[in-house]
Amino acid sequence: MEAVLLQGLLLLLSLAALLLYWYNTTFHYFCKMAFFNIWIIAMAILLSPIAALRGRSVENMKLLRAAILPLKHFYGIKMQVWGSEHLNIKEPYVIVCNHQASLDVMGMMEVIPERCVPIAKKEVLYMGIVGFACWLSGFIFINRHKTEDAINVISQTARTMRRENLRVLIFPEGTRNQDKSMLPFKRGAFHLAVQAQVPIVPVVISPYWDFFSSKDKKFTPGTCTIRILPKVETQGLSPKDVPELTETVRQAMADALAKMSAHHHGDQRPEQPPLPPCAGAGGAGRGLGSPQGKEETTETSD
């Protein structure tokens, strides 16, 4: 009798949870976010032993990418990528991307090229098995609270990029931002590109407003558009050019984001907006004037 009552109670709880999932947007949101985090942890547990056989290597990013790519199908998120040809560069380069939410990891894995590793805050390294999986995949960790350590990591990374033909991905806003405009950029990514004398490739992810909002607790199927802008050369630039380079790239990305926001209509395929004039190949890396009197900073992203 007790077993029958227990089974009946479990059935009622399951039905209640199912009804809440379908009809309560807040519960729906938390269920999907819980699944997102559980999936990341589960994949880290499953893949870490395999990755450990190779040791710490950028090649393990392929395993990480393969584990995260299926998430878009579970959530009904359609990924549209414009300008993927701009990533077809044989030499090392720095990717800078706007940062909105944890969902960015899905967009990141959609476009990340081979031999590319993200730069992440050092706190990620201490996230248990997930941090270990990131370490095995070659993530570069920066202590944002110690300027001298950050400078050393940037210098070491610049040398490693050239020596090992690495690409590096950074979120230059330094924190998540779901506002309509981009935050001021930290200059770590641009110091890195100038030190290594490698191009910068700006990547812009469209707003998630139509289907995701951590503030409104909304998470529904939708369309995410990723716009890859032409590379910006840094050959011949010096640290004094970093402030202007940073602002030029930020403005190009902000213009692209504004156009994408205006053309974005949920699951409907938007028309491709024109490129911002300042985002043309090498546009921000040529003819830079003298420094604008802006104080340089060694703060780095994310």
C-alpha atoms as a PDB file:
ATOM      1  CA  MET A   1       0.000   0.000   0.000  1.00  0.00           C
ATOM      2  CA  GLU A   2       2.794   2.384   0.913  1.00  0.00           C
ATOM      3  CA  ALA A   3       4.553   1.607  -2.376  1.00  0.00           C
ATOM      4  CA  VAL A   4       1.375   2.446  -4.330  1.00  0.00           C
ATOM      5  CA  LEU A   5       0.996   5.742  -2.464  1.00  0.00           C
ATOM      6  CA  LEU A   6       4.641   6.602  -3.085  1.00  0.00           C
ATOM      7  CA  GLN A   7       4.298   5.856  -6.792  1.00  0.00           C
ATOM      8  CA  GLY A   8       1.141   7.957  -6.956  1.00  0.00           C
ATOM      9  CA  LEU A   9       2.890  10.842  -5.186  1.00  0.00           C
ATOM     10  CA  LEU A  10       5.850  10.660  -7.560  1.00  0.00           C
ATOM     11  CA  LEU A  11       3.461  10.650 -10.527  1.00  0.00           C
ATOM     12  CA  LEU A  12       1.622  13.713  -9.202  1.00  0.00           C
ATOM     13  CA  LEU A  13       4.921  15.529  -8.596  1.00  0.00           C
ATOM     14  CA  SER A  14       6.077  14.661 -12.111  1.00  0.00           C
ATOM     15  CA  LEU A  15       2.826  15.950 -13.621  1.00  0.00           C
ATOM     16  CA  ALA A  16       3.035  19.119 -11.532  1.00  0.00           C
ATOM     17  CA  ALA A  17       6.623  19.700 -12.646  1.00  0.00           C
ATOM     18  CA  LEU A  18       5.631  19.112 -16.272  1.00  0.00           C
ATOM     19  CA  LEU A  19       2.732  21.575 -16.027  1.00  0.00           C
ATOM     20  CA  LEU A  20       4.987  24.161 -14.388  1.00  0.00           C
ATOM     21  CA  TYR A  21       7.563  23.656 -17.128  1.00  0.00           C
ATOM     22  CA  TRP A  22       5.056  24.327 -19.891  1.00  0.00           C
ATOM     23  CA  TYR A  23       3.006  27.078 -18.277  1.00  0.00           C
ATOM     24  CA  ASN A  24       5.315  28.902 -15.854  1.00  0.00           C
ATOM     25  CA  THR A  25       8.012  30.901 -17.668  1.00  0.00           C
ATOM     26  CA  THR A  26      10.179  31.317 -14.558  1.00  0.00           C
ATOM     27  CA  PHE A  27      10.207  27.579 -13.799  1.00  0.00           C
ATOM     28  CA  HIS A  28      10.800  26.926 -17.513  1.00  0.00           C
ATOM     29  CA  TYR A  29      13.809  29.277 -17.438  1.00  0.00           C
ATOM     30  CA  PHE A  30      15.392  27.684 -14.356  1.00  0.00           C
ATOM     31  CA  CYS A  31      14.885  24.170 -15.745  1.00  0.00           C
ATOM     32  CA  LYS A  32      16.673  25.076 -18.957  1.00  0.00           C
ATOM     33  CA  MET A  33      19.521  26.822 -17.139  1.00  0.00           C
ATOM     34  CA  ALA A  34      19.875  23.836 -14.807  1.00  0.00           C
ATOM     35  CA  PHE A  35      20.068  21.513 -17.813  1.00  0.00           C
ATOM     36  CA  PHE A  36      22.692  23.813 -19.381  1.00  0.00           C
ATOM     37  CA  ASN A  37      24.914  23.625 -16.296  1.00  0.00           C
ATOM     38  CA  ILE A  38      24.358  19.892 -15.786  1.00  0.00           C
ATOM     39  CA  TRP A  39      25.267  19.250 -19.431  1.00  0.00           C
ATOM     40  CA  ILE A  40      28.516  21.222 -19.103  1.00  0.00           C
ATOM     41  CA  ILE A  41      29.481  19.359 -15.913  1.00  0.00           C
ATOM     42  CA  ALA A  42      28.530  15.962 -17.355  1.00  0.00           C
ATOM     43  CA  MET A  43      30.521  16.558 -20.529  1.00  0.00           C
ATOM     44  CA  ALA A  44      33.515  17.713 -18.474  1.00  0.00           C
ATOM     45  CA  ILE A  45      33.331  14.510 -16.414  1.00  0.00           C
ATOM     46  CA  LEU A  46      33.070  12.310 -19.507  1.00  0.00           C
ATOM     47  CA  LEU A  47      35.685  14.038 -21.646  1.00  0.00           C
ATOM     48  CA  SER A  48      38.348  14.957 -19.095  1.00  0.00           C
ATOM     49  CA  PRO A  49      39.792  11.411 -18.868  1.00  0.00           C
ATOM     50  CA  ILE A  50      40.041  11.284 -22.669  1.00  0.00           C
ATOM     51  CA  ALA A  51      41.610  14.734 -22.873  1.00  0.00           C
ATOM     52  CA  ALA A  52      44.008  13.864 -20.037  1.00  0.00           C
ATOM     53  CA  LEU A  53      45.541  11.116 -22.198  1.00  0.00           C
ATOM     54  CA  ARG A  54      46.805  13.863 -24.521  1.00  0.00           C
ATOM     55  CA  GLY A  55      47.638  16.259 -21.700  1.00  0.00           C
ATOM     56  CA  ARG A  56      47.106  20.010 -21.767  1.00  0.00           C
ATOM     57  CA  SER A  57      46.674  20.825 -25.462  1.00  0.00           C
ATOM     58  CA  VAL A  58      44.751  23.177 -27.707  1.00  0.00           C
ATOM     59  CA  GLU A  59      43.705  20.076 -29.671  1.00  0.00           C
ATOM     60  CA  ASN A  60      41.385  19.179 -26.770  1.00  0.00           C
ATOM     61  CA  MET A  61      39.242  22.173 -27.782  1.00  0.00           C
ATOM     62  CA  LYS A  62      37.833  19.898 -30.491  1.00  0.00           C
ATOM     63  CA  LEU A  63      36.372  17.657 -27.783  1.00  0.00           C
ATOM     64  CA  LEU A  64      34.963  20.639 -25.915  1.00  0.00           C
ATOM     65  CA  ARG A  65      33.413  22.022 -29.101  1.00  0.00           C
ATOM     66  CA  ALA A  66      31.851  18.667 -30.015  1.00  0.00           C
ATOM     67  CA  ALA A  67      30.328  18.439 -26.525  1.00  0.00           C
ATOM     68  CA  ILE A  68      28.742  21.903 -26.590  1.00  0.00           C
ATOM     69  CA  LEU A  69      27.497  22.097 -30.207  1.00  0.00           C
ATOM     70  CA  PRO A  70      24.451  19.794 -29.613  1.00  0.00           C
ATOM     71  CA  LEU A  71      23.031  22.177 -26.994  1.00  0.00           C
ATOM     72  CA  LYS A  72      21.545  24.464 -29.648  1.00  0.00           C
ATOM     73  CA  HIS A  73      19.346  21.581 -30.868  1.00  0.00           C
ATOM     74  CA  PHE A  74      18.039  20.823 -27.372  1.00  0.00           C
ATOM     75  CA  TYR A  75      17.055  24.475 -26.929  1.00  0.00           C
ATOM     76  CA  GLY A  76      15.712  25.025 -30.443  1.00  0.00           C
ATOM     77  CA  ILE A  77      18.203  27.807 -31.133  1.00  0.00           C
ATOM     78  CA  LYS A  78      19.025  28.389 -34.783  1.00  0.00           C
ATOM     79  CA  MET A  79      22.536  29.710 -35.433  1.00  0.00           C
ATOM     80  CA  GLN A  80      23.109  31.994 -38.434  1.00  0.00           C
ATOM     81  CA  VAL A  81      26.708  32.907 -39.230  1.00  0.00           C
ATOM     82  CA  TRP A  82      27.687  35.751 -41.541  1.00  0.00           C
ATOM     83  CA  GLY A  83      31.223  36.407 -42.728  1.00  0.00           C
ATOM     84  CA  SER A  84      32.793  33.074 -41.746  1.00  0.00           C
ATOM     85  CA  GLU A  85      35.286  33.556 -44.580  1.00  0.00           C
ATOM     86  CA  HIS A  86      36.990  36.240 -42.477  1.00  0.00           C
ATOM     87  CA  LEU A  87      38.255  33.486 -40.164  1.00  0.00           C
ATOM     88  CA  ASN A  88      40.121  31.768 -42.995  1.00  0.00           C
ATOM     89  CA  ILE A  89      43.469  33.211 -41.965  1.00  0.00           C
ATOM     90  CA  LYS A  90      46.482  30.911 -41.745  1.00  0.00           C
ATOM     91  CA  GLU A  91      48.445  33.119 -39.382  1.00  0.00           C
ATOM     92  CA  PRO A  92      47.678  33.647 -35.656  1.00  0.00           C
ATOM     93  CA  TYR A  93      45.075  36.252 -34.750  1.00  0.00           C
ATOM     94  CA  VAL A  94      43.011  37.576 -31.851  1.00  0.00           C
ATOM     95  CA  ILE A  95      39.210  37.219 -31.860  1.00  0.00           C
ATOM     96  CA  VAL A  96      37.260  39.806 -29.854  1.00  0.00           C
ATOM     97  CA  CYS A  97      33.582  39.149 -29.183  1.00  0.00           C
ATOM     98  CA  ASN A  98      30.778  40.855 -27.271  1.00  0.00           C
ATOM     99  CA  HIS A  99      29.688  39.096 -24.078  1.00  0.00           C
ATOM    100  CA  GLN A 100      26.001  38.817 -23.111  1.00  0.00           C
ATOM    101  CA  ALA A 101      25.393  35.657 -21.105  1.00  0.00           C
ATOM    102  CA  SER A 102      26.550  32.111 -20.456  1.00  0.00           C
ATOM    103  CA  LEU A 103      24.822  31.192 -23.733  1.00  0.00           C
ATOM    104  CA  ASP A 104      27.731  32.879 -25.514  1.00  0.00           C
ATOM    105  CA  VAL A 105      29.599  29.607 -25.163  1.00  0.00           C
ATOM    106  CA  MET A 106      27.261  28.111 -27.796  1.00  0.00           C
ATOM    107  CA  GLY A 107      27.928  30.940 -30.236  1.00  0.00           C
ATOM    108  CA  MET A 108      31.622  30.773 -29.461  1.00  0.00           C
ATOM    109  CA  MET A 109      31.799  27.072 -30.294  1.00  0.00           C
ATOM    110  CA  GLU A 110      29.794  27.672 -33.478  1.00  0.00           C
ATOM    111  CA  VAL A 111      32.550  29.809 -35.026  1.00  0.00           C
ATOM    112  CA  ILE A 112      35.740  29.049 -33.109  1.00  0.00           C
ATOM    113  CA  PRO A 113      38.500  28.085 -35.576  1.00  0.00           C
ATOM    114  CA  GLU A 114      41.096  25.364 -35.152  1.00  0.00           C
ATOM    115  CA  ARG A 115      43.950  25.996 -32.739  1.00  0.00           C
ATOM    116  CA  CYS A 116      42.008  28.682 -30.908  1.00  0.00           C
ATOM    117  CA  VAL A 117      41.792  29.023 -27.129  1.00  0.00           C
ATOM    118  CA  PRO A 118      39.835  31.498 -24.989  1.00  0.00           C
ATOM    119  CA  ILE A 119      41.350  33.764 -22.375  1.00  0.00           C
ATOM    120  CA  ALA A 120      39.306  33.446 -19.186  1.00  0.00           C
ATOM    121  CA  LYS A 121      39.354  34.851 -15.680  1.00  0.00           C
ATOM    122  CA  LYS A 122      41.423  32.754 -13.275  1.00  0.00           C
ATOM    123  CA  GLU A 123      38.353  31.942 -11.168  1.00  0.00           C
ATOM    124  CA  VAL A 124      37.213  29.530 -13.923  1.00  0.00           C
ATOM    125  CA  LEU A 125      40.249  27.361 -13.180  1.00  0.00           C
ATOM    126  CA  TYR A 126      38.839  26.626  -9.705  1.00  0.00           C
ATOM    127  CA  MET A 127      35.427  25.439 -10.936  1.00  0.00           C
ATOM    128  CA  GLY A 128      36.137  21.782 -10.194  1.00  0.00           C
ATOM    129  CA  ILE A 129      35.955  19.350 -13.094  1.00  0.00           C
ATOM    130  CA  VAL A 130      34.846  22.128 -15.464  1.00  0.00           C
ATOM    131  CA  GLY A 131      37.948  24.167 -14.655  1.00  0.00           C
ATOM    132  CA  PHE A 132      40.103  21.079 -15.135  1.00  0.00           C
ATOM    133  CA  ALA A 133      38.525  20.433 -18.555  1.00  0.00           C
ATOM    134  CA  CYS A 134      39.183  24.047 -19.547  1.00  0.00           C
ATOM    135  CA  TRP A 135      42.792  23.758 -18.397  1.00  0.00           C
ATOM    136  CA  LEU A 136      43.250  20.559 -20.411  1.00  0.00           C
ATOM    137  CA  SER A 137      41.821  22.370 -23.464  1.00  0.00           C
ATOM    138  CA  GLY A 138      44.526  25.023 -23.261  1.00  0.00           C
ATOM    139  CA  PHE A 139      42.494  27.905 -21.820  1.00  0.00           C
ATOM    140  CA  ILE A 140      44.671  30.855 -20.833  1.00  0.00           C
ATOM    141  CA  PHE A 141      43.838  32.146 -17.360  1.00  0.00           C
ATOM    142  CA  ILE A 142      44.370  35.722 -16.195  1.00  0.00           C
ATOM    143  CA  ASN A 143      44.199  37.158 -12.702  1.00  0.00           C
ATOM    144  CA  ARG A 144      42.236  40.361 -13.354  1.00  0.00           C
ATOM    145  CA  HIS A 145      43.029  41.704  -9.892  1.00  0.00           C
ATOM    146  CA  LYS A 146      46.819  41.632 -10.286  1.00  0.00           C
ATOM    147  CA  THR A 147      47.986  43.940 -13.069  1.00  0.00           C
ATOM    148  CA  GLU A 148      51.564  42.664 -13.103  1.00  0.00           C
ATOM    149  CA  ASP A 149      50.431  39.052 -13.467  1.00  0.00           C
ATOM    150  CA  ALA A 150      48.052  40.031 -16.278  1.00  0.00           C
ATOM    151  CA  ILE A 151      50.849  41.846 -18.131  1.00  0.00           C
ATOM    152  CA  ASN A 152      53.105  38.796 -17.837  1.00  0.00           C
ATOM    153  CA  VAL A 153      50.396  36.486 -19.165  1.00  0.00           C
ATOM    154  CA  ILE A 154      49.763  38.826 -22.112  1.00  0.00           C
ATOM    155  CA  SER A 155      53.489  38.887 -22.953  1.00  0.00           C
ATOM    156  CA  GLN A 156      53.820  35.113 -22.676  1.00  0.00           C
ATOM    157  CA  THR A 157      50.701  34.580 -24.788  1.00  0.00           C
ATOM    158  CA  ALA A 158      52.008  36.921 -27.501  1.00  0.00           C
ATOM    159  CA  ARG A 159      55.167  34.820 -27.793  1.00  0.00           C
ATOM    160  CA  THR A 160      53.223  31.537 -27.694  1.00  0.00           C
ATOM    161  CA  MET A 161      50.830  32.656 -30.440  1.00  0.00           C
ATOM    162  CA  ARG A 162      53.675  33.183 -32.862  1.00  0.00           C
ATOM    163  CA  ARG A 163      55.607  30.090 -31.829  1.00  0.00           C
ATOM    164  CA  GLU A 164      52.648  27.658 -31.864  1.00  0.00           C
ATOM    165  CA  ASN A 165      50.390  29.351 -34.439  1.00  0.00           C
ATOM    166  CA  LEU A 166      47.607  29.915 -31.925  1.00  0.00           C
ATOM    167  CA  ARG A 167      44.446  31.968 -32.181  1.00  0.00           C
ATOM    168  CA  VAL A 168      43.083  33.558 -29.024  1.00  0.00           C
ATOM    169  CA  LEU A 169      39.488  34.532 -28.198  1.00  0.00           C
ATOM    170  CA  ILE A 170      38.723  37.303 -25.702  1.00  0.00           C
ATOM    171  CA  PHE A 171      35.575  39.073 -24.479  1.00  0.00           C
ATOM    172  CA  PRO A 172      36.903  42.646 -24.240  1.00  0.00           C
ATOM    173  CA  GLU A 173      33.899  43.993 -22.314  1.00  0.00           C
ATOM    174  CA  GLY A 174      35.251  42.014 -19.387  1.00  0.00           C
ATOM    175  CA  THR A 175      31.839  41.030 -18.007  1.00  0.00           C
ATOM    176  CA  ARG A 176      28.384  39.976 -19.185  1.00  0.00           C
ATOM    177  CA  ASN A 177      26.295  42.744 -20.676  1.00  0.00           C
ATOM    178  CA  GLN A 178      22.725  42.436 -21.995  1.00  0.00           C
ATOM    179  CA  ASP A 179      22.245  46.164 -22.547  1.00  0.00           C
ATOM    180  CA  LYS A 180      21.539  47.625 -25.974  1.00  0.00           C
ATOM    181  CA  SER A 181      25.028  49.124 -26.181  1.00  0.00           C
ATOM    182  CA  MET A 182      28.466  47.652 -25.561  1.00  0.00           C
ATOM    183  CA  LEU A 183      30.453  48.410 -22.457  1.00  0.00           C
ATOM    184  CA  PRO A 184      33.824  50.155 -22.771  1.00  0.00           C
ATOM    185  CA  PHE A 185      36.459  47.651 -23.859  1.00  0.00           C
ATOM    186  CA  LYS A 186      39.347  46.521 -21.706  1.00  0.00           C
ATOM    187  CA  ARG A 187      42.613  46.855 -23.637  1.00  0.00           C
ATOM    188  CA  GLY A 188      44.208  43.483 -22.866  1.00  0.00           C
ATOM    189  CA  ALA A 189      43.163  41.932 -26.191  1.00  0.00           C
ATOM    190  CA  PHE A 190      44.539  44.871 -28.135  1.00  0.00           C
ATOM    191  CA  HIS A 191      47.833  44.948 -26.238  1.00  0.00           C
ATOM    192  CA  LEU A 192      48.123  41.238 -27.030  1.00  0.00           C
ATOM    193  CA  ALA A 193      47.476  41.732 -30.755  1.00  0.00           C
ATOM    194  CA  VAL A 194      49.931  44.625 -30.978  1.00  0.00           C
ATOM    195  CA  GLN A 195      52.656  42.782 -29.050  1.00  0.00           C
ATOM    196  CA  ALA A 196      52.260  39.710 -31.259  1.00  0.00           C
ATOM    197  CA  GLN A 197      51.757  41.881 -34.384  1.00  0.00           C
ATOM    198  CA  VAL A 198      48.763  39.760 -35.410  1.00  0.00           C
ATOM    199  CA  PRO A 199      45.365  40.805 -36.801  1.00  0.00           C
ATOM    200  CA  ILE A 200      42.203  41.310 -34.753  1.00  0.00           C
ATOM    201  CA  VAL A 201      38.996  39.652 -35.958  1.00  0.00           C
ATOM    202  CA  PRO A 202      35.852  41.226 -34.409  1.00  0.00           C
ATOM    203  CA  VAL A 203      32.866  38.915 -33.847  1.00  0.00           C
ATOM    204  CA  VAL A 204      29.422  40.247 -32.936  1.00  0.00           C
ATOM    205  CA  ILE A 205      26.638  38.060 -31.502  1.00  0.00           C
ATOM    206  CA  SER A 206      23.120  39.439 -31.972  1.00  0.00           C
ATOM    207  CA  PRO A 207      21.005  40.297 -28.888  1.00  0.00           C
ATOM    208  CA  TYR A 208      19.138  37.434 -27.246  1.00  0.00           C
ATOM    209  CA  TRP A 209      16.116  39.608 -26.396  1.00  0.00           C
ATOM    210  CA  ASP A 210      13.705  37.589 -28.560  1.00  0.00           C
ATOM    211  CA  PHE A 211      14.280  34.323 -26.748  1.00  0.00           C
ATOM    212  CA  PHE A 212      16.476  34.768 -23.658  1.00  0.00           C
ATOM    213  CA  SER A 213      16.599  37.139 -20.705  1.00  0.00           C
ATOM    214  CA  SER A 214      18.092  36.400 -17.290  1.00  0.00           C
ATOM    215  CA  LYS A 215      16.309  39.477 -15.931  1.00  0.00           C
ATOM    216  CA  ASP A 216      12.844  38.466 -17.178  1.00  0.00           C
ATOM    217  CA  LYS A 217      13.538  34.748 -16.665  1.00  0.00           C
ATOM    218  CA  LYS A 218      12.729  33.937 -20.283  1.00  0.00           C
ATOM    219  CA  PHE A 219      14.271  31.113 -22.320  1.00  0.00           C
ATOM    220  CA  THR A 220      12.449  30.028 -25.493  1.00  0.00           C
ATOM    221  CA  PRO A 221      13.513  28.770 -28.948  1.00  0.00           C
ATOM    222  CA  GLY A 222      14.874  31.485 -31.219  1.00  0.00           C
ATOM    223  CA  THR A 223      17.519  32.633 -33.674  1.00  0.00           C
ATOM    224  CA  CYS A 224      21.036  33.777 -32.863  1.00  0.00           C
ATOM    225  CA  THR A 225      22.977  35.627 -35.548  1.00  0.00           C
ATOM    226  CA  ILE A 226      26.765  35.836 -35.465  1.00  0.00           C
ATOM    227  CA  ARG A 227      28.505  38.460 -37.598  1.00  0.00           C
ATOM    228  CA  ILE A 228      32.227  38.083 -38.265  1.00  0.00           C
ATOM    229  CA  LEU A 229      33.789  41.354 -39.405  1.00  0.00           C
ATOM    230  CA  PRO A 230      36.901  41.652 -41.593  1.00  0.00           C
ATOM    231  CA  LYS A 231      40.237  41.493 -39.845  1.00  0.00           C
ATOM    232  CA  VAL A 232      41.908  44.614 -38.502  1.00  0.00           C
ATOM    233  CA  GLU A 233      45.657  44.702 -39.061  1.00  0.00           C
ATOM    234  CA  THR A 234      48.083  45.656 -36.300  1.00  0.00           C
ATOM    235  CA  GLN A 235      51.333  45.401 -38.244  1.00  0.00           C
ATOM    236  CA  GLY A 236      53.532  48.395 -37.440  1.00  0.00           C
ATOM    237  CA  LEU A 237      51.435  49.524 -34.473  1.00  0.00           C
ATOM    238  CA  SER A 238      52.951  50.141 -31.050  1.00  0.00           C
ATOM    239  CA  PRO A 239      51.530  50.294 -27.496  1.00  0.00           C
ATOM    240  CA  LYS A 240      50.827  54.008 -27.919  1.00  0.00           C
ATOM    241  CA  ASP A 241      48.324  53.114 -30.663  1.00  0.00           C
ATOM    242  CA  VAL A 242      46.348  50.716 -28.458  1.00  0.00           C
ATOM    243  CA  PRO A 243      43.794  53.251 -27.111  1.00  0.00           C
ATOM    244  CA  GLU A 244      42.757  54.375 -30.590  1.00  0.00           C
ATOM    245  CA  LEU A 245      42.828  50.808 -31.925  1.00  0.00           C
ATOM    246  CA  THR A 246      40.569  49.700 -29.064  1.00  0.00           C
ATOM    247  CA  GLU A 247      38.029  52.440 -29.694  1.00  0.00           C
ATOM    248  CA  THR A 248      38.038  51.918 -33.468  1.00  0.00           C
ATOM    249  CA  VAL A 249      37.318  48.192 -33.148  1.00  0.00           C
ATOM    250  CA  ARG A 250      34.683  48.805 -30.468  1.00  0.00           C
ATOM    251  CA  GLN A 251      32.907  51.335 -32.676  1.00  0.00           C
ATOM    252  CA  ALA A 252      32.890  48.911 -35.615  1.00  0.00           C
ATOM    253  CA  MET A 253      31.384  46.206 -33.420  1.00  0.00           C
ATOM    254  CA  ALA A 254      28.864  48.598 -31.844  1.00  0.00           C
ATOM    255  CA  ASP A 255      27.722  49.725 -35.310  1.00  0.00           C
ATOM    256  CA  ALA A 256      27.338  46.115 -36.435  1.00  0.00           C
ATOM    257  CA  LEU A 257      25.391  45.269 -33.255  1.00  0.00           C
ATOM    258  CA  ALA A 258      23.058  48.211 -33.790  1.00  0.00           C
ATOM    259  CA  LYS A 259      22.336  47.140 -37.390  1.00  0.00           C
ATOM    260  CA  MET A 260      21.813  43.528 -36.356  1.00  0.00           C
ATOM    261  CA  SER A 261      19.432  44.600 -33.584  1.00  0.00           C
ATOM    262  CA  ALA A 262      17.396  46.651 -36.056  1.00  0.00           C
ATOM    263  CA  HIS A 263      17.156  43.764 -38.528  1.00  0.00           C
ATOM    264  CA  HIS A 264      16.641  40.974 -35.994  1.00  0.00           C
ATOM    265  CA  HIS A 265      13.095  39.578 -35.868  1.00  0.00           C
ATOM    266  CA  GLY A 266      13.042  36.362 -33.894  1.00  0.00           C
ATOM    267  CA  ASP A 267      13.123  33.253 -36.063  1.00  0.00           C
ATOM    268  CA  GLN A 268      12.762  35.157 -39.330  1.00  0.00           C
ATOM    269  CA  ARG A 269      15.959  35.298 -41.329  1.00  0.00           C
ATOM    270  CA  PRO A 270      17.130  38.902 -41.351  1.00  0.00           C
ATOM    271  CA  GLU A 271      18.627  40.591 -44.329  1.00  0.00           C
ATOM    272  CA  GLN A 272      22.376  40.963 -44.120  1.00  0.00           C
ATOM    273  CA  PRO A 273      23.197  44.534 -43.094  1.00  0.00           C
ATOM    274  CA  PRO A 274      26.055  46.424 -44.728  1.00  0.00           C
ATOM    275  CA  LEU A 275      29.419  46.387 -43.026  1.00  0.00           C
ATOM    276  CA  PRO A 276      30.364  49.384 -40.921  1.00  0.00           C
ATOM    277  CA  PRO A 277      32.756  51.578 -42.942  1.00  0.00           C
ATOM    278  CA  CYS A 278      35.459  51.359 -40.262  1.00  0.00           C
ATOM    279  CA  ALA A 279      35.385  47.536 -40.220  1.00  0.00           C
ATOM    280  CA  GLY A 280      36.950  47.062 -43.622  1.00  0.00           C
ATOM    281  CA  ALA A 281      40.050  44.917 -43.847  1.00  0.00           C
ATOM    282  CA  GLY A 282      42.860  46.724 -42.158  1.00  0.00           C
ATOM    283  CA  GLY A 283      40.706  49.821 -41.714  1.00  0.00           C
ATOM    284  CA  ALA A 284      41.521  50.322 -38.087  1.00  0.00           C
ATOM    285  CA  GLY A 285      45.120  49.277 -38.390  1.00  0.00           C
ATOM    286  CA  ARG A 286      46.239  51.860 -40.898  1.00  0.00           C
ATOM    287  CA  GLY A 287      46.718  55.530 -40.593  1.00  0.00           C
ATOM    288  CA  LEU A 288      46.285  55.628 -36.854  1.00  0.00           C
ATOM    289  CA  GLY A 289      47.169  59.002 -35.475  1.00  0.00           C
ATOM    290  CA  SER A 290      49.029  59.861 -32.335  1.00  0.00           C
ATOM    291  CA  PRO A 291      47.617  58.787 -28.972  1.00  0.00           C
ATOM    292  CA  GLN A 292      44.516  60.643 -27.900  1.00  0.00           C
ATOM    293  CA  GLY A 293      45.794  61.258 -24.399  1.00  0.00           C
ATOM    294  CA  LYS A 294      43.912  58.238 -23.025  1.00  0.00           C
ATOM    295  CA  GLU A 295      45.560  56.479 -20.115  1.00  0.00           C
ATOM    296  CA  GLU A 296      46.673  52.972 -20.987  1.00  0.00           C
ATOM    297  CA  THR A 297      45.489  50.094 -18.881  1.00  0.00           C
ATOM    298  CA  THR A 298      46.553  46.515 -18.508  1.00  0.00           C
ATOM    299  CA  GLU A 299      43.101  45.217 -17.592  1.00  0.00           C
ATOM    300  CA  THR A 300      42.114  42.164 -19.551  1.00  0.00           C
ATOM    301  CA  SER A 301      38.844  40.646 -20.567  1.00  0.00           C
ATOM    302  CA  ASP A 302      36.533  38.132 -18.932  1.00  0.00           C
END
